[in-house]
N, C-alpha and C. Protein backbone atom coordinates (compact mmCIF):
# COMPACT_ATOMS: atom_id res chain seq x y z
N UNK A 1 0.83 -1.20 0.00
CA UNK A 1 0.00 0.00 0.00
C UNK A 1 0.87 1.26 0.00
N UNK A 2 0.48 2.26 -0.79
CA UNK A 2 1.28 3.47 -0.93
C UNK A 2 0.84 4.58 0.03
N UNK A 3 -0.20 4.37 0.79
CA UNK A 3 -0.72 5.45 1.63
C UNK A 3 0.36 6.08 2.51
N UNK A 4 1.15 5.31 3.25
CA UNK A 4 2.15 5.95 4.12
C UNK A 4 3.20 6.73 3.33
N UNK A 5 3.58 6.21 2.17
CA UNK A 5 4.60 6.88 1.36
C UNK A 5 4.05 8.19 0.81
N UNK A 6 2.86 8.15 0.26
CA UNK A 6 2.26 9.36 -0.33
C UNK A 6 2.10 10.44 0.72
N UNK A 7 1.55 10.08 1.86
CA UNK A 7 1.22 11.10 2.86
C UNK A 7 2.42 11.53 3.70
N UNK A 8 3.58 10.92 3.48
CA UNK A 8 4.79 11.41 4.15
C UNK A 8 5.31 12.67 3.48
N UNK A 9 4.88 12.95 2.24
CA UNK A 9 5.26 14.18 1.55
C UNK A 9 4.47 15.35 2.13
N UNK A 10 5.16 16.36 2.59
CA UNK A 10 4.47 17.50 3.21
C UNK A 10 3.59 18.24 2.23
N UNK A 11 3.89 18.15 0.92
CA UNK A 11 3.10 18.87 -0.09
C UNK A 11 1.76 18.20 -0.36
N UNK A 12 1.58 16.96 0.07
CA UNK A 12 0.34 16.24 -0.21
C UNK A 12 -0.73 16.62 0.82
N UNK A 13 -1.79 17.23 0.36
CA UNK A 13 -2.90 17.60 1.25
C UNK A 13 -4.19 16.90 0.87
N UNK A 14 -4.19 16.26 -0.28
CA UNK A 14 -5.42 15.60 -0.74
C UNK A 14 -5.07 14.47 -1.70
N UNK A 15 -5.78 13.37 -1.59
CA UNK A 15 -5.62 12.24 -2.51
C UNK A 15 -7.00 11.94 -3.11
N UNK A 16 -7.09 11.99 -4.44
CA UNK A 16 -8.34 11.70 -5.13
C UNK A 16 -8.12 10.45 -5.99
N UNK A 17 -8.92 9.44 -5.76
CA UNK A 17 -8.83 8.20 -6.54
C UNK A 17 -10.09 8.09 -7.39
N UNK A 18 -9.90 8.01 -8.71
CA UNK A 18 -11.04 7.89 -9.63
C UNK A 18 -10.89 6.62 -10.46
N UNK A 19 -11.99 6.11 -10.90
CA UNK A 19 -12.00 4.90 -11.70
C UNK A 19 -11.86 5.25 -13.18
N UNK A 20 -10.81 4.74 -13.81
CA UNK A 20 -10.62 4.94 -15.24
C UNK A 20 -11.16 3.75 -16.01
N UNK A 21 -11.28 3.91 -17.31
CA UNK A 21 -11.80 2.82 -18.14
C UNK A 21 -10.88 1.60 -18.11
N UNK A 22 -9.59 1.81 -17.90
CA UNK A 22 -8.63 0.71 -17.90
C UNK A 22 -8.17 0.34 -16.49
N UNK A 23 -8.86 0.84 -15.48
CA UNK A 23 -8.50 0.51 -14.11
C UNK A 23 -8.73 -0.98 -13.83
N UNK A 24 -7.88 -1.54 -13.02
CA UNK A 24 -8.02 -2.93 -12.62
C UNK A 24 -9.24 -3.09 -11.70
N UNK A 25 -10.22 -3.89 -12.09
CA UNK A 25 -11.41 -4.06 -11.23
C UNK A 25 -11.06 -4.53 -9.83
N UNK A 26 -10.01 -5.34 -9.70
CA UNK A 26 -9.62 -5.83 -8.39
C UNK A 26 -9.14 -4.69 -7.49
N UNK A 27 -8.47 -3.70 -8.10
CA UNK A 27 -8.02 -2.56 -7.31
C UNK A 27 -9.21 -1.77 -6.78
N UNK A 28 -10.24 -1.60 -7.63
CA UNK A 28 -11.41 -0.83 -7.21
C UNK A 28 -12.16 -1.49 -6.06
N UNK A 29 -11.94 -2.78 -5.88
CA UNK A 29 -12.59 -3.50 -4.79
C UNK A 29 -11.62 -3.79 -3.64
N UNK A 30 -10.45 -3.20 -3.70
CA UNK A 30 -9.40 -3.48 -2.73
C UNK A 30 -9.74 -2.94 -1.34
N UNK A 31 -9.27 -3.64 -0.32
CA UNK A 31 -9.44 -3.18 1.05
C UNK A 31 -8.69 -1.87 1.29
N UNK A 32 -7.69 -1.60 0.44
CA UNK A 32 -6.89 -0.39 0.62
C UNK A 32 -7.71 0.88 0.45
N UNK A 33 -8.89 0.77 -0.15
CA UNK A 33 -9.74 1.94 -0.36
C UNK A 33 -10.78 2.11 0.74
N UNK A 34 -10.71 1.29 1.76
CA UNK A 34 -11.64 1.41 2.88
C UNK A 34 -11.03 2.31 3.96
N UNK A 35 -11.81 3.27 4.48
CA UNK A 35 -11.27 4.20 5.49
C UNK A 35 -10.63 3.49 6.69
N UNK A 36 -11.20 2.35 7.09
CA UNK A 36 -10.65 1.64 8.25
C UNK A 36 -9.24 1.13 7.97
N UNK A 37 -8.89 0.99 6.69
CA UNK A 37 -7.56 0.53 6.31
C UNK A 37 -6.63 1.70 6.04
N UNK A 38 -7.08 2.68 5.23
CA UNK A 38 -6.15 3.73 4.82
C UNK A 38 -5.94 4.83 5.87
N UNK A 39 -6.90 5.06 6.74
CA UNK A 39 -6.72 6.14 7.72
C UNK A 39 -5.55 5.89 8.67
N UNK A 40 -5.39 4.67 9.22
CA UNK A 40 -4.19 4.45 10.05
C UNK A 40 -2.89 4.56 9.26
N UNK A 41 -2.94 4.17 7.98
CA UNK A 41 -1.74 4.27 7.14
C UNK A 41 -1.39 5.73 6.87
N UNK A 42 -2.41 6.56 6.69
CA UNK A 42 -2.17 7.99 6.49
C UNK A 42 -1.53 8.59 7.73
N UNK A 43 -2.03 8.22 8.89
CA UNK A 43 -1.45 8.71 10.14
C UNK A 43 0.01 8.29 10.27
N UNK A 44 0.30 7.06 9.85
CA UNK A 44 1.68 6.57 9.91
C UNK A 44 2.58 7.39 8.98
N UNK A 45 2.09 7.65 7.75
CA UNK A 45 2.88 8.44 6.82
C UNK A 45 3.10 9.86 7.31
N UNK A 46 2.07 10.47 7.90
CA UNK A 46 2.21 11.82 8.43
C UNK A 46 3.23 11.85 9.56
N UNK A 47 3.20 10.82 10.39
CA UNK A 47 4.16 10.75 11.49
C UNK A 47 5.59 10.61 10.97
N UNK A 48 5.77 9.76 9.95
CA UNK A 48 7.10 9.57 9.38
C UNK A 48 7.61 10.83 8.71
N UNK A 49 6.68 11.61 8.12
CA UNK A 49 7.07 12.83 7.45
C UNK A 49 7.15 14.03 8.38
N UNK A 50 6.85 13.84 9.66
CA UNK A 50 6.92 14.93 10.62
C UNK A 50 5.95 16.04 10.31
N UNK A 51 4.75 15.70 9.89
CA UNK A 51 3.76 16.70 9.49
C UNK A 51 2.49 16.55 10.30
N UNK A 52 1.73 17.63 10.38
CA UNK A 52 0.48 17.61 11.15
C UNK A 52 -0.73 18.00 10.31
N UNK A 53 -0.51 18.60 9.15
CA UNK A 53 -1.64 19.03 8.32
C UNK A 53 -2.38 17.80 7.80
N UNK A 54 -3.70 17.73 7.98
CA UNK A 54 -4.45 16.53 7.59
C UNK A 54 -4.49 16.33 6.08
N UNK A 55 -4.74 15.10 5.67
CA UNK A 55 -4.84 14.74 4.26
C UNK A 55 -6.29 14.33 3.97
N UNK A 56 -6.90 15.01 3.03
CA UNK A 56 -8.27 14.68 2.64
C UNK A 56 -8.24 13.59 1.58
N UNK A 57 -9.20 12.66 1.65
CA UNK A 57 -9.28 11.57 0.68
C UNK A 57 -10.66 11.57 0.02
N UNK A 58 -10.67 11.53 -1.31
CA UNK A 58 -11.90 11.39 -2.09
C UNK A 58 -11.76 10.16 -2.97
N UNK A 59 -12.73 9.25 -2.89
CA UNK A 59 -12.69 8.05 -3.71
C UNK A 59 -13.96 8.01 -4.56
N UNK A 60 -13.77 8.07 -5.88
CA UNK A 60 -14.88 8.13 -6.83
C UNK A 60 -14.76 6.95 -7.79
N UNK A 61 -15.57 5.94 -7.57
CA UNK A 61 -15.47 4.72 -8.37
C UNK A 61 -16.64 4.55 -9.32
N UNK A 62 -17.38 5.63 -9.58
CA UNK A 62 -18.46 5.56 -10.56
C UNK A 62 -17.87 5.42 -11.96
N UNK A 63 -18.66 4.88 -12.87
CA UNK A 63 -18.18 4.67 -14.24
C UNK A 63 -17.88 5.98 -14.96
N UNK A 64 -18.54 7.07 -14.56
CA UNK A 64 -18.32 8.36 -15.22
C UNK A 64 -17.46 9.29 -14.36
N UNK A 65 -16.59 8.69 -13.54
CA UNK A 65 -15.79 9.50 -12.60
C UNK A 65 -14.85 10.45 -13.32
N UNK A 66 -14.37 10.07 -14.52
CA UNK A 66 -13.47 10.95 -15.26
C UNK A 66 -14.29 11.74 -16.27
N UNK A 67 -14.71 12.91 -15.85
CA UNK A 67 -15.49 13.81 -16.69
C UNK A 67 -15.33 15.22 -16.15
N UNK A 68 -15.57 16.20 -16.99
CA UNK A 68 -15.46 17.59 -16.54
C UNK A 68 -16.43 17.85 -15.39
N UNK A 69 -17.64 17.32 -15.50
CA UNK A 69 -18.64 17.54 -14.46
C UNK A 69 -18.18 16.98 -13.13
N UNK A 70 -17.65 15.76 -13.16
CA UNK A 70 -17.16 15.13 -11.93
C UNK A 70 -16.00 15.91 -11.34
N UNK A 71 -15.06 16.35 -12.19
CA UNK A 71 -13.90 17.09 -11.69
C UNK A 71 -14.30 18.47 -11.18
N UNK A 72 -15.36 19.05 -11.77
CA UNK A 72 -15.86 20.31 -11.25
C UNK A 72 -16.38 20.13 -9.82
N UNK A 73 -17.10 19.07 -9.61
CA UNK A 73 -17.64 18.79 -8.27
C UNK A 73 -16.51 18.60 -7.26
N UNK A 74 -15.38 18.09 -7.72
CA UNK A 74 -14.23 17.87 -6.85
C UNK A 74 -13.35 19.11 -6.73
N UNK A 75 -13.67 20.16 -7.50
CA UNK A 75 -12.89 21.39 -7.45
C UNK A 75 -11.53 21.28 -8.11
N UNK A 76 -11.43 20.44 -9.15
CA UNK A 76 -10.14 20.21 -9.81
C UNK A 76 -9.99 20.93 -11.14
N UNK A 77 -11.03 21.61 -11.60
CA UNK A 77 -11.02 22.20 -12.94
C UNK A 77 -10.53 23.64 -12.88
N UNK A 78 -9.60 23.96 -13.77
CA UNK A 78 -9.14 25.34 -13.87
C UNK A 78 -10.05 26.12 -14.81
N UNK A 79 -10.48 27.28 -14.37
CA UNK A 79 -11.27 28.17 -15.22
C UNK A 79 -10.31 28.87 -16.16
N UNK A 80 -10.20 28.32 -17.37
CA UNK A 80 -9.19 28.78 -18.31
C UNK A 80 -9.85 29.10 -19.63
N UNK A 81 -9.71 30.32 -20.08
CA UNK A 81 -10.35 30.72 -21.33
C UNK A 81 -9.79 30.00 -22.54
N UNK A 82 -8.62 29.35 -22.36
CA UNK A 82 -8.03 28.63 -23.49
C UNK A 82 -8.61 27.24 -23.66
N UNK A 83 -9.41 26.78 -22.67
CA UNK A 83 -9.99 25.46 -22.80
C UNK A 83 -10.99 25.44 -23.94
N UNK A 84 -11.09 24.32 -24.65
CA UNK A 84 -12.05 24.21 -25.73
C UNK A 84 -13.47 24.34 -25.23
N UNK A 85 -13.72 23.86 -24.01
CA UNK A 85 -15.03 23.97 -23.41
C UNK A 85 -15.06 25.27 -22.62
N UNK A 86 -15.77 26.28 -23.10
CA UNK A 86 -15.74 27.60 -22.50
C UNK A 86 -16.70 27.76 -21.33
N UNK A 87 -17.46 26.72 -21.03
CA UNK A 87 -18.39 26.84 -19.93
C UNK A 87 -17.65 26.82 -18.61
N UNK A 88 -18.11 27.63 -17.67
CA UNK A 88 -17.48 27.68 -16.36
C UNK A 88 -18.54 27.50 -15.30
N UNK A 89 -18.10 27.25 -14.09
CA UNK A 89 -19.04 27.11 -12.99
C UNK A 89 -18.41 27.65 -11.74
N UNK A 90 -19.18 27.73 -10.67
CA UNK A 90 -18.68 28.25 -9.41
C UNK A 90 -17.59 27.36 -8.82
N UNK A 91 -17.54 26.10 -9.28
CA UNK A 91 -16.54 25.17 -8.73
C UNK A 91 -15.26 25.17 -9.54
N UNK A 92 -15.21 25.91 -10.68
CA UNK A 92 -13.96 26.06 -11.40
C UNK A 92 -13.03 26.93 -10.56
N UNK A 93 -11.73 26.70 -10.68
CA UNK A 93 -10.77 27.50 -9.95
C UNK A 93 -9.86 28.22 -10.93
N UNK A 94 -9.49 29.44 -10.57
CA UNK A 94 -8.62 30.25 -11.43
C UNK A 94 -7.35 30.60 -10.66
N UNK A 95 -6.79 29.63 -9.98
CA UNK A 95 -5.66 29.86 -9.09
C UNK A 95 -4.35 29.74 -9.86
N UNK A 96 -3.67 30.87 -10.00
CA UNK A 96 -2.41 30.89 -10.75
C UNK A 96 -1.29 30.23 -9.98
N UNK A 97 -1.51 29.93 -8.69
CA UNK A 97 -0.45 29.32 -7.89
C UNK A 97 -0.55 27.80 -7.87
N UNK A 98 -1.44 27.22 -8.68
CA UNK A 98 -1.59 25.77 -8.72
C UNK A 98 -1.28 25.23 -10.12
N UNK A 99 -0.32 24.33 -10.20
CA UNK A 99 -0.01 23.66 -11.46
C UNK A 99 -0.85 22.40 -11.56
N UNK A 100 -1.28 22.06 -12.77
CA UNK A 100 -2.04 20.84 -12.99
C UNK A 100 -1.26 19.97 -13.96
N UNK A 101 -0.81 18.82 -13.47
CA UNK A 101 0.11 17.96 -14.21
C UNK A 101 -0.58 16.66 -14.59
N UNK A 102 -0.61 16.37 -15.87
CA UNK A 102 -1.15 15.11 -16.38
C UNK A 102 0.04 14.27 -16.83
N UNK A 103 0.41 13.27 -16.04
CA UNK A 103 1.58 12.46 -16.38
C UNK A 103 1.30 11.60 -17.60
N UNK A 104 2.19 11.71 -18.58
CA UNK A 104 1.98 11.08 -19.88
C UNK A 104 3.33 10.67 -20.46
N UNK A 105 3.44 9.44 -20.90
CA UNK A 105 4.70 8.97 -21.50
C UNK A 105 4.91 9.50 -22.91
N UNK A 106 3.84 10.01 -23.53
CA UNK A 106 3.96 10.46 -24.90
C UNK A 106 3.97 9.30 -25.88
N UNK A 107 4.30 9.58 -27.12
CA UNK A 107 4.39 8.55 -28.14
C UNK A 107 5.47 8.92 -29.15
N UNK A 108 5.51 8.23 -30.28
CA UNK A 108 6.57 8.48 -31.26
C UNK A 108 6.45 9.86 -31.88
N UNK A 109 5.25 10.41 -31.90
CA UNK A 109 5.04 11.70 -32.56
C UNK A 109 5.13 12.88 -31.61
N UNK A 110 4.92 12.66 -30.32
CA UNK A 110 4.87 13.79 -29.39
C UNK A 110 5.46 13.38 -28.05
N UNK A 111 6.38 14.19 -27.56
CA UNK A 111 7.00 13.96 -26.26
C UNK A 111 6.68 15.12 -25.33
N UNK A 112 5.96 14.88 -24.23
CA UNK A 112 5.64 15.97 -23.30
C UNK A 112 6.90 16.51 -22.63
N UNK A 113 6.87 17.74 -22.15
CA UNK A 113 8.02 18.29 -21.43
C UNK A 113 8.15 17.65 -20.05
N UNK A 114 9.32 17.79 -19.42
CA UNK A 114 9.51 17.24 -18.07
C UNK A 114 8.55 17.89 -17.07
N UNK A 115 8.13 17.11 -16.08
CA UNK A 115 7.17 17.61 -15.09
C UNK A 115 7.70 18.85 -14.37
N UNK A 116 8.99 18.84 -14.03
CA UNK A 116 9.56 20.01 -13.34
C UNK A 116 9.39 21.28 -14.16
N UNK A 117 9.66 21.20 -15.45
CA UNK A 117 9.54 22.38 -16.31
C UNK A 117 8.10 22.89 -16.35
N UNK A 118 7.14 21.96 -16.40
CA UNK A 118 5.74 22.37 -16.47
C UNK A 118 5.32 23.09 -15.20
N UNK A 119 5.77 22.59 -14.05
CA UNK A 119 5.44 23.26 -12.78
C UNK A 119 6.01 24.67 -12.78
N UNK A 120 7.27 24.83 -13.16
CA UNK A 120 7.90 26.14 -13.15
C UNK A 120 7.22 27.08 -14.13
N UNK A 121 6.80 26.57 -15.29
CA UNK A 121 6.15 27.41 -16.29
C UNK A 121 4.74 27.82 -15.83
N UNK A 122 4.01 26.89 -15.22
CA UNK A 122 2.64 27.19 -14.84
C UNK A 122 2.55 28.11 -13.64
N UNK A 123 3.50 27.98 -12.72
CA UNK A 123 3.42 28.77 -11.49
C UNK A 123 4.35 29.96 -11.51
N UNK A 124 5.61 29.72 -11.91
CA UNK A 124 6.59 30.79 -11.84
C UNK A 124 6.81 31.18 -10.39
N UNK A 125 6.68 32.46 -10.11
CA UNK A 125 6.81 32.94 -8.74
C UNK A 125 5.43 33.31 -8.20
N UNK A 126 5.12 32.83 -7.03
CA UNK A 126 3.84 33.18 -6.41
C UNK A 126 4.00 34.51 -5.69
N UNK A 127 2.88 35.12 -5.39
CA UNK A 127 2.86 36.44 -4.77
C UNK A 127 2.82 36.31 -3.25
N UNK A 128 3.97 36.50 -2.62
CA UNK A 128 4.03 36.36 -1.17
C UNK A 128 3.18 37.38 -0.44
N UNK A 129 3.03 38.56 -1.03
CA UNK A 129 2.25 39.60 -0.36
C UNK A 129 0.78 39.22 -0.24
N UNK A 130 0.33 38.28 -1.07
CA UNK A 130 -1.06 37.80 -1.00
C UNK A 130 -1.17 36.48 -0.25
N UNK A 131 -0.09 36.10 0.42
CA UNK A 131 -0.07 34.84 1.18
C UNK A 131 -0.38 33.63 0.30
N UNK A 132 0.11 33.67 -0.94
CA UNK A 132 -0.06 32.54 -1.83
C UNK A 132 1.09 31.56 -1.67
N UNK A 133 0.78 30.27 -1.80
CA UNK A 133 1.81 29.25 -1.74
C UNK A 133 1.63 28.34 -2.94
N UNK A 134 2.72 27.94 -3.59
CA UNK A 134 2.58 27.11 -4.79
C UNK A 134 2.06 25.72 -4.45
N UNK A 135 1.25 25.17 -5.34
CA UNK A 135 0.71 23.83 -5.15
C UNK A 135 0.55 23.18 -6.51
N UNK A 136 0.25 21.90 -6.52
CA UNK A 136 0.09 21.18 -7.78
C UNK A 136 -0.90 20.05 -7.62
N UNK A 137 -1.58 19.74 -8.71
CA UNK A 137 -2.45 18.57 -8.80
C UNK A 137 -1.80 17.65 -9.82
N UNK A 138 -1.50 16.42 -9.42
CA UNK A 138 -0.79 15.48 -10.29
C UNK A 138 -1.71 14.31 -10.60
N UNK A 139 -1.97 14.08 -11.89
CA UNK A 139 -2.82 12.97 -12.32
C UNK A 139 -1.96 11.81 -12.79
N UNK A 140 -2.06 10.68 -12.09
CA UNK A 140 -1.31 9.47 -12.43
C UNK A 140 -2.31 8.41 -12.87
N UNK A 141 -2.10 7.83 -14.03
CA UNK A 141 -3.04 6.87 -14.59
C UNK A 141 -2.92 5.48 -13.97
N UNK A 142 -3.86 4.60 -14.30
CA UNK A 142 -3.79 3.21 -13.85
C UNK A 142 -2.67 2.46 -14.55
N UNK A 143 -2.45 1.22 -14.16
CA UNK A 143 -1.34 0.43 -14.72
C UNK A 143 -1.39 0.36 -16.24
N UNK A 144 -2.58 0.28 -16.81
CA UNK A 144 -2.73 0.19 -18.27
C UNK A 144 -2.86 1.55 -18.93
N UNK A 145 -2.76 2.60 -18.15
CA UNK A 145 -2.76 3.94 -18.70
C UNK A 145 -4.14 4.56 -18.87
N UNK A 146 -4.13 5.79 -19.35
CA UNK A 146 -5.36 6.50 -19.66
C UNK A 146 -5.80 6.20 -21.09
N UNK A 147 -7.08 6.28 -21.36
CA UNK A 147 -7.54 6.21 -22.75
C UNK A 147 -7.36 7.58 -23.39
N UNK A 148 -7.42 7.64 -24.72
CA UNK A 148 -7.30 8.93 -25.41
C UNK A 148 -8.41 9.88 -24.98
N UNK A 149 -9.60 9.34 -24.79
CA UNK A 149 -10.72 10.18 -24.36
C UNK A 149 -10.50 10.76 -22.98
N UNK A 150 -9.97 9.97 -22.06
CA UNK A 150 -9.69 10.47 -20.72
C UNK A 150 -8.61 11.54 -20.76
N UNK A 151 -7.59 11.32 -21.59
CA UNK A 151 -6.51 12.31 -21.72
C UNK A 151 -7.06 13.64 -22.21
N UNK A 152 -7.98 13.60 -23.16
CA UNK A 152 -8.57 14.84 -23.68
C UNK A 152 -9.36 15.57 -22.59
N UNK A 153 -10.05 14.82 -21.75
CA UNK A 153 -10.82 15.46 -20.67
C UNK A 153 -9.88 16.22 -19.73
N UNK A 154 -8.79 15.57 -19.33
CA UNK A 154 -7.83 16.23 -18.44
C UNK A 154 -7.23 17.48 -19.09
N UNK A 155 -6.73 17.32 -20.31
CA UNK A 155 -5.93 18.37 -20.93
C UNK A 155 -6.80 19.45 -21.59
N UNK A 156 -7.79 19.04 -22.35
CA UNK A 156 -8.56 20.00 -23.13
C UNK A 156 -9.73 20.62 -22.37
N UNK A 157 -10.26 19.91 -21.38
CA UNK A 157 -11.44 20.41 -20.69
C UNK A 157 -11.18 20.87 -19.25
N UNK A 158 -10.10 20.39 -18.65
CA UNK A 158 -9.91 20.66 -17.22
C UNK A 158 -8.63 21.43 -16.89
N UNK A 159 -7.89 21.87 -17.90
CA UNK A 159 -6.76 22.75 -17.65
C UNK A 159 -5.47 22.08 -17.23
N UNK A 160 -5.34 20.76 -17.41
CA UNK A 160 -4.10 20.07 -17.08
C UNK A 160 -3.10 20.21 -18.22
N UNK A 161 -1.80 20.09 -17.90
CA UNK A 161 -0.75 20.09 -18.91
C UNK A 161 -0.07 18.73 -18.91
N UNK A 162 0.13 18.16 -20.10
CA UNK A 162 0.84 16.90 -20.20
C UNK A 162 2.31 17.08 -19.80
N UNK A 163 2.83 16.12 -19.06
CA UNK A 163 4.23 16.16 -18.63
C UNK A 163 4.72 14.74 -18.44
N UNK A 164 6.04 14.59 -18.45
CA UNK A 164 6.59 13.25 -18.31
C UNK A 164 7.65 13.23 -17.22
N UNK A 165 7.94 12.03 -16.71
CA UNK A 165 8.96 11.85 -15.68
C UNK A 165 10.27 11.36 -16.27
N UNK A 166 10.30 11.13 -17.56
CA UNK A 166 11.48 10.60 -18.23
C UNK A 166 11.05 9.65 -19.33
N UNK A 167 12.00 9.05 -19.98
CA UNK A 167 11.69 8.19 -21.13
C UNK A 167 11.24 6.79 -20.73
N UNK A 168 11.46 6.41 -19.49
CA UNK A 168 11.09 5.06 -19.05
C UNK A 168 9.59 4.94 -18.80
N UNK A 169 9.03 3.77 -19.08
CA UNK A 169 7.65 3.48 -18.73
C UNK A 169 7.65 2.89 -17.33
N UNK A 170 7.03 3.59 -16.38
CA UNK A 170 7.11 3.23 -14.98
C UNK A 170 5.86 2.51 -14.50
N UNK A 171 6.04 1.67 -13.50
CA UNK A 171 4.90 1.12 -12.79
C UNK A 171 4.17 2.26 -12.09
N UNK A 172 2.89 2.05 -11.80
CA UNK A 172 2.11 3.11 -11.17
C UNK A 172 2.72 3.53 -9.84
N UNK A 173 3.08 2.57 -9.00
CA UNK A 173 3.62 2.94 -7.70
C UNK A 173 4.92 3.73 -7.83
N UNK A 174 5.76 3.35 -8.80
CA UNK A 174 7.00 4.09 -9.03
C UNK A 174 6.71 5.48 -9.56
N UNK A 175 5.74 5.60 -10.47
CA UNK A 175 5.38 6.90 -11.03
C UNK A 175 4.84 7.84 -9.96
N UNK A 176 4.04 7.29 -9.05
CA UNK A 176 3.47 8.12 -7.99
C UNK A 176 4.58 8.72 -7.12
N UNK A 177 5.48 7.88 -6.65
CA UNK A 177 6.54 8.35 -5.77
C UNK A 177 7.50 9.28 -6.51
N UNK A 178 7.89 8.90 -7.74
CA UNK A 178 8.79 9.75 -8.52
C UNK A 178 8.14 11.09 -8.83
N UNK A 179 6.87 11.04 -9.24
CA UNK A 179 6.16 12.27 -9.56
C UNK A 179 6.05 13.21 -8.37
N UNK A 180 5.72 12.65 -7.21
CA UNK A 180 5.62 13.49 -6.01
C UNK A 180 6.97 14.11 -5.65
N UNK A 181 8.03 13.34 -5.80
CA UNK A 181 9.35 13.86 -5.48
C UNK A 181 9.75 15.00 -6.41
N UNK A 182 9.54 14.80 -7.71
CA UNK A 182 9.92 15.82 -8.70
C UNK A 182 9.06 17.07 -8.56
N UNK A 183 7.76 16.89 -8.42
CA UNK A 183 6.86 18.03 -8.32
C UNK A 183 7.07 18.78 -7.01
N UNK A 184 7.28 18.05 -5.91
CA UNK A 184 7.53 18.71 -4.62
C UNK A 184 8.79 19.57 -4.68
N UNK A 185 9.83 19.05 -5.31
CA UNK A 185 11.07 19.81 -5.44
C UNK A 185 10.87 21.05 -6.30
N UNK A 186 10.07 20.94 -7.35
CA UNK A 186 9.79 22.09 -8.21
C UNK A 186 8.98 23.15 -7.47
N UNK A 187 8.04 22.71 -6.64
CA UNK A 187 7.26 23.66 -5.84
C UNK A 187 8.18 24.40 -4.86
N UNK A 188 9.12 23.68 -4.28
CA UNK A 188 10.08 24.33 -3.38
C UNK A 188 10.90 25.37 -4.14
N UNK A 189 11.28 25.06 -5.38
CA UNK A 189 12.02 26.03 -6.20
C UNK A 189 11.21 27.30 -6.39
N UNK A 190 9.93 27.13 -6.73
CA UNK A 190 9.05 28.30 -6.94
C UNK A 190 8.95 29.13 -5.67
N UNK A 191 8.75 28.46 -4.53
CA UNK A 191 8.60 29.18 -3.27
C UNK A 191 9.88 29.88 -2.87
N UNK A 192 11.02 29.21 -3.03
CA UNK A 192 12.30 29.81 -2.64
C UNK A 192 12.63 31.02 -3.50
N UNK A 193 12.37 30.92 -4.80
CA UNK A 193 12.62 32.06 -5.69
C UNK A 193 11.69 33.22 -5.35
N UNK A 194 10.45 32.89 -5.05
CA UNK A 194 9.50 33.93 -4.66
C UNK A 194 9.92 34.61 -3.37
N UNK A 195 10.41 33.82 -2.41
CA UNK A 195 10.88 34.39 -1.14
C UNK A 195 12.05 35.34 -1.38
N UNK A 196 12.98 34.95 -2.25
CA UNK A 196 14.13 35.80 -2.54
C UNK A 196 13.70 37.10 -3.20
N UNK A 197 12.78 37.00 -4.15
CA UNK A 197 12.29 38.20 -4.84
C UNK A 197 11.56 39.12 -3.87
N UNK A 198 10.78 38.54 -2.99
CA UNK A 198 10.03 39.33 -2.00
C UNK A 198 10.99 40.09 -1.09
N UNK A 199 12.07 39.43 -0.66
CA UNK A 199 13.05 40.09 0.20
C UNK A 199 13.79 41.20 -0.55
N UNK A 200 14.09 40.97 -1.84
CA UNK A 200 14.75 42.00 -2.64
C UNK A 200 13.89 43.25 -2.75
N UNK A 201 12.59 43.03 -2.98
CA UNK A 201 11.68 44.17 -3.12
C UNK A 201 11.55 44.95 -1.81
N UNK A 202 11.55 44.23 -0.70
CA UNK A 202 11.40 44.89 0.59
C UNK A 202 12.62 45.73 0.93
N UNK A 203 13.80 45.33 0.43
CA UNK A 203 15.03 46.06 0.76
C UNK A 203 15.29 47.20 -0.22
N UNK A 204 14.55 47.25 -1.32
CA UNK A 204 14.75 48.34 -2.30
C UNK A 204 13.94 49.57 -1.91
């Protein structure tokens, strides 16, 4: 079970599990998705990571869990005028301090940029004077990957950017841990640069 590993990262404040078309049915019925099982594991991970901020868990195993409507209800959709779907709702978010990463290995015709680069490009420097802190939403697919239709929903309708962790095809558990490590480090870069800029402005 990855619960302790995931929640040991201080940047992790929420875990959302959704059912994809290629998800393993056995995983969707796993005991690991029961609160009585994962809650103690989350506490263990938080203790190992020396953190106290709670981790919220949402588990959506409906057949239509991957849709703009579903992601709107979960508050995961960026209100972006560049999206092909121009409809917005009160649950869309327009937070410039949050990167949305869709992990994708790419194919022979298209190679996504590295996840670190996407985080830095999407967030840049946050505004310390507004008490903003950089954050990210990372979408990791099931073992058999996302379908083309699911990928379009993430990227074209919900404001995610395709990114990769490298040229290797990783197991899901490896991708989760690697992705969290890379994205967490990139968020720290954004915050540290913002802190330095804020101090420079205060001294000028």
